[in-house]
Amino acid sequence: MFRSRSKDEKAPTDKVTADLSKQPRDPEAPKGRPTPKRSDAQTQRRRAQSAPVDRKDAAKRQREARRSDLARQREALNSGDERYLPPRDKGPVRRFVRDFVDSRFTIAEFFLPMAVIILVLSLFGNANRGLQNIALLLWAGVIAMIVIDSIGIWLRLRKQLAERFPNEPKRGAVAYGLMRTLQMRRLRLPKPQVKRGERP
C-alpha cells in the first residue's frame, strides 16, 4: 500500500505527455495572447541581441554610458551647446532668461561677499556694540535691496517673455531666472553667453 511505484507504472504517464507535446497545435485554437506589432517584435529582437549576457557587463556598460552623458553635459554647460544641456536648461525660453539675467548687474549676485563682510562685522560686534548695530542695519538693507531688485527683474522678465514667446510654455522660467541672479556671474552654469549691458 505504501510502497513506491515501480518504473513500469510511471512509464505510461510519461508516454502520454510526450505524445501530447508532439501533437501539432490546431491553427484555429486561440493562443491566449495578442499578436505583437511588427515594430514591437523587431525592437524586442534587437534588444535581445544587443543585451549583454552577463549582469556585470550590463552594469559596466550602463556606468560608461552615464559617465559619457555627464561628460557631455559638463562640456555643454561650459560651452552653452543646446544639444547636450540638462532638460532644466534646454529651450529658447530658458536661453533667453539666462541672457536676460547675465546682461544685467543684480544686487543678489553680490549677496555672498556682502554676507561674509556682515558676518565678520557681527563677530567683532560682540566686543563693540556699535559695530553690531551696523551689521544688523547692513543685513536689513541688503535683504531689502535684493527683494526690491528681484521684484523689478520678475516684472520685466515676465513682460519680455510674454512679448517674445507668446505660444511657448513658460512655466518656472521666471523662478529659474531669479535663482540665477543669486549666483555670482563667474560661477553660473551654463556659462554666460552675453556681456554685461549687451541686451538679448
Protein backbone atom coordinates (compact mmCIF):
# COMPACT_ATOMS: atom_id res chain seq x y z
CA MET A 1 0.00 0.00 0.00
CA PHE A 2 2.76 2.49 0.94
CA ARG A 3 5.42 1.14 -1.38
CA SER A 4 6.84 3.36 -4.12
CA ARG A 5 5.70 2.87 -7.66
CA SER A 6 7.86 0.88 -9.98
CA LYS A 7 9.39 2.30 -13.15
CA ASP A 8 6.88 0.35 -15.24
CA GLU A 9 3.95 2.07 -13.53
CA LYS A 10 5.45 5.58 -14.11
CA ALA A 11 6.18 4.99 -17.78
CA PRO A 12 2.62 5.31 -19.21
CA THR A 13 2.15 8.86 -17.88
CA ASP A 14 5.49 9.94 -19.36
CA LYS A 15 4.48 8.43 -22.70
CA VAL A 16 1.14 10.30 -22.71
CA THR A 17 2.78 13.72 -22.03
CA ALA A 18 5.36 13.07 -24.75
CA ASP A 19 2.61 12.17 -27.22
CA LEU A 20 0.66 15.33 -26.30
CA SER A 21 3.70 17.58 -26.85
CA LYS A 22 4.31 16.01 -30.28
CA GLN A 23 0.77 16.74 -31.45
CA PRO A 24 0.58 19.88 -33.65
CA ARG A 25 -1.50 22.78 -32.30
CA ASP A 26 -4.73 23.45 -34.12
CA PRO A 27 -4.30 26.70 -36.14
CA GLU A 28 -7.84 27.71 -35.24
CA ALA A 29 -7.17 27.38 -31.49
CA PRO A 30 -6.64 30.66 -29.57
CA LYS A 31 -3.07 31.48 -28.41
CA GLY A 32 -4.05 33.12 -25.16
CA ARG A 33 -2.14 36.34 -26.01
CA PRO A 34 -2.44 39.07 -28.70
CA THR A 35 -0.07 39.04 -31.68
CA PRO A 36 2.57 41.78 -31.19
CA LYS A 37 3.04 44.51 -33.78
CA ARG A 38 5.91 44.01 -36.20
CA SER A 39 7.78 47.10 -34.92
CA ASP A 40 7.46 45.88 -31.31
CA ALA A 41 8.64 42.38 -32.25
CA GLN A 42 11.66 43.80 -34.13
CA THR A 43 12.56 46.08 -31.22
CA GLN A 44 12.33 43.15 -28.81
CA ARG A 45 14.56 41.01 -31.06
CA ARG A 46 17.13 43.80 -31.35
CA ARG A 47 17.14 44.25 -27.59
CA ALA A 48 17.63 40.54 -27.05
CA GLN A 49 20.59 40.53 -29.47
CA SER A 50 22.28 43.64 -28.06
CA ALA A 51 21.59 42.86 -24.40
CA PRO A 52 24.73 41.58 -22.67
CA VAL A 53 24.52 38.08 -21.26
CA ASP A 54 26.45 38.90 -18.10
CA ARG A 55 24.90 41.16 -15.44
CA LYS A 56 28.30 42.67 -14.57
CA ASP A 57 28.85 43.51 -18.24
CA ALA A 58 25.43 45.21 -18.38
CA ALA A 59 26.19 47.29 -15.26
CA LYS A 60 29.58 48.27 -16.70
CA ARG A 61 28.01 49.40 -19.98
CA GLN A 62 25.40 51.40 -18.10
CA ARG A 63 28.07 53.13 -15.97
CA GLU A 64 30.12 54.01 -19.06
CA ALA A 65 27.05 55.42 -20.85
CA ARG A 66 26.16 57.51 -17.77
CA ARG A 67 29.74 58.76 -17.48
CA SER A 68 29.86 59.82 -21.14
CA ASP A 69 26.47 61.57 -20.81
CA LEU A 70 27.66 63.50 -17.74
CA ALA A 71 30.90 64.48 -19.51
CA ARG A 72 28.90 65.78 -22.47
CA GLN A 73 26.60 67.71 -20.14
CA ARG A 74 29.56 69.32 -18.33
CA GLU A 75 31.06 70.35 -21.66
CA ALA A 76 27.70 71.78 -22.79
CA LEU A 77 27.32 73.73 -19.53
CA ASN A 78 30.66 75.42 -20.26
CA SER A 79 30.12 75.98 -23.98
CA GLY A 80 26.34 76.58 -23.99
CA ASP A 81 25.73 73.81 -26.56
CA GLU A 82 21.93 73.35 -26.51
CA ARG A 83 22.00 69.71 -27.68
CA TYR A 84 23.57 68.26 -24.54
CA LEU A 85 22.27 70.63 -21.85
CA PRO A 86 20.25 69.11 -18.99
CA PRO A 87 16.45 69.30 -19.53
CA ARG A 88 16.22 72.09 -16.91
CA ASP A 89 18.35 74.43 -19.10
CA LYS A 90 17.10 73.46 -22.56
CA GLY A 91 14.96 75.51 -24.91
CA PRO A 92 14.75 79.06 -26.31
CA VAL A 93 12.81 80.37 -23.28
CA ARG A 94 15.48 79.25 -20.77
CA ARG A 95 18.22 80.56 -23.06
CA PHE A 96 16.55 84.00 -23.19
CA VAL A 97 16.09 84.03 -19.39
CA ARG A 98 19.81 83.28 -18.90
CA ASP A 99 20.83 86.02 -21.34
CA PHE A 100 18.39 88.48 -19.74
CA VAL A 101 19.89 87.89 -16.27
CA ASP A 102 23.53 87.75 -17.44
CA SER A 103 23.29 91.07 -19.29
CA ARG A 104 22.46 92.96 -16.05
CA PHE A 105 24.08 93.86 -12.76
CA THR A 106 21.96 92.42 -9.96
CA ILE A 107 22.32 93.03 -6.22
CA ALA A 108 21.56 89.39 -5.41
CA GLU A 109 24.74 88.15 -7.12
CA PHE A 110 26.84 90.10 -4.58
CA PHE A 111 24.94 88.63 -1.65
CA LEU A 112 27.65 86.07 -0.78
CA PRO A 113 30.59 88.54 -0.46
CA MET A 114 28.37 91.04 1.39
CA ALA A 115 27.20 88.29 3.75
CA VAL A 116 30.85 87.45 4.60
CA ILE A 117 31.61 91.13 5.37
CA ILE A 118 28.49 91.45 7.55
CA LEU A 119 29.38 88.21 9.37
CA VAL A 120 32.89 89.50 10.16
CA LEU A 121 31.42 92.79 11.42
CA SER A 122 28.94 90.94 13.65
CA LEU A 123 31.77 88.79 15.09
CA PHE A 124 33.71 91.92 16.05
CA GLY A 125 30.44 93.40 17.23
CA ASN A 126 30.47 91.15 20.31
CA ALA A 127 33.11 93.46 21.77
CA ASN A 128 31.77 96.67 20.22
CA ARG A 129 28.03 97.36 20.43
CA GLY A 130 28.19 99.99 17.66
CA LEU A 131 29.62 97.50 15.12
CA GLN A 132 26.88 95.02 15.95
CA ASN A 133 24.21 97.64 15.23
CA ILE A 134 25.89 98.49 11.90
CA ALA A 135 25.98 94.79 10.95
CA LEU A 136 22.25 94.42 11.72
CA LEU A 137 21.39 97.52 9.67
CA LEU A 138 23.51 96.23 6.78
CA TRP A 139 21.69 92.87 6.89
CA ALA A 140 18.32 94.59 6.74
CA GLY A 141 19.48 96.94 3.95
CA VAL A 142 20.96 94.15 1.80
CA ILE A 143 17.84 91.95 2.12
CA ALA A 144 15.54 94.90 1.30
CA MET A 145 17.63 95.82 -1.78
CA ILE A 146 17.65 92.18 -3.00
CA VAL A 147 13.87 91.91 -2.60
CA ILE A 148 13.23 95.20 -4.48
CA ASP A 149 15.72 94.28 -7.26
CA SER A 150 14.20 90.77 -7.59
CA ILE A 151 10.66 92.19 -7.89
CA GLY A 152 11.86 94.54 -10.66
CA ILE A 153 13.57 91.66 -12.54
CA TRP A 154 10.49 89.45 -12.07
CA LEU A 155 8.14 92.08 -13.59
CA ARG A 156 10.44 92.96 -16.51
CA LEU A 157 11.23 89.32 -17.29
CA ARG A 158 7.56 88.31 -17.27
CA LYS A 159 6.72 91.14 -19.68
CA GLN A 160 9.60 90.26 -22.05
CA LEU A 161 8.68 86.55 -22.05
CA ALA A 162 5.02 87.33 -22.81
CA GLU A 163 6.08 89.53 -25.76
CA ARG A 164 8.76 87.27 -27.23
CA PHE A 165 7.35 83.80 -26.56
CA PRO A 166 3.54 84.07 -26.57
CA ASN A 167 2.97 80.43 -27.61
CA GLU A 168 5.86 78.76 -25.74
CA PRO A 169 5.40 77.13 -22.31
CA LYS A 170 6.93 79.50 -19.73
CA ARG A 171 6.22 77.62 -16.51
CA GLY A 172 9.04 78.05 -13.97
CA ALA A 173 11.07 80.33 -16.29
CA VAL A 174 10.91 83.43 -14.03
CA ALA A 175 11.85 81.42 -10.93
CA TYR A 176 14.75 79.93 -12.95
CA GLY A 177 15.96 83.47 -13.73
CA LEU A 178 15.66 84.65 -10.10
CA MET A 179 17.66 81.62 -8.90
CA ARG A 180 20.35 82.52 -11.43
CA THR A 181 20.60 86.07 -10.04
CA LEU A 182 21.60 84.62 -6.66
CA GLN A 183 24.75 83.04 -8.17
CA MET A 184 27.92 85.02 -8.79
CA ARG A 185 28.39 85.59 -12.53
CA ARG A 186 31.59 83.55 -12.86
CA LEU A 187 30.06 80.59 -11.01
CA ARG A 188 26.89 80.40 -13.12
CA LEU A 189 26.17 77.28 -15.15
CA PRO A 190 25.56 77.23 -18.09
CA LYS A 191 28.26 79.87 -18.52
CA PRO A 192 27.06 83.38 -19.51
CA GLN A 193 27.00 83.83 -23.30
CA VAL A 194 26.41 87.62 -23.29
CA LYS A 195 28.41 90.53 -21.86
CA ARG A 196 27.05 92.99 -19.30
CA GLY A 197 24.95 95.68 -20.97
CA GLU A 198 24.52 93.54 -24.12
CA ARG A 199 20.75 93.13 -24.35
CA PRO A 200 19.47 89.74 -25.60
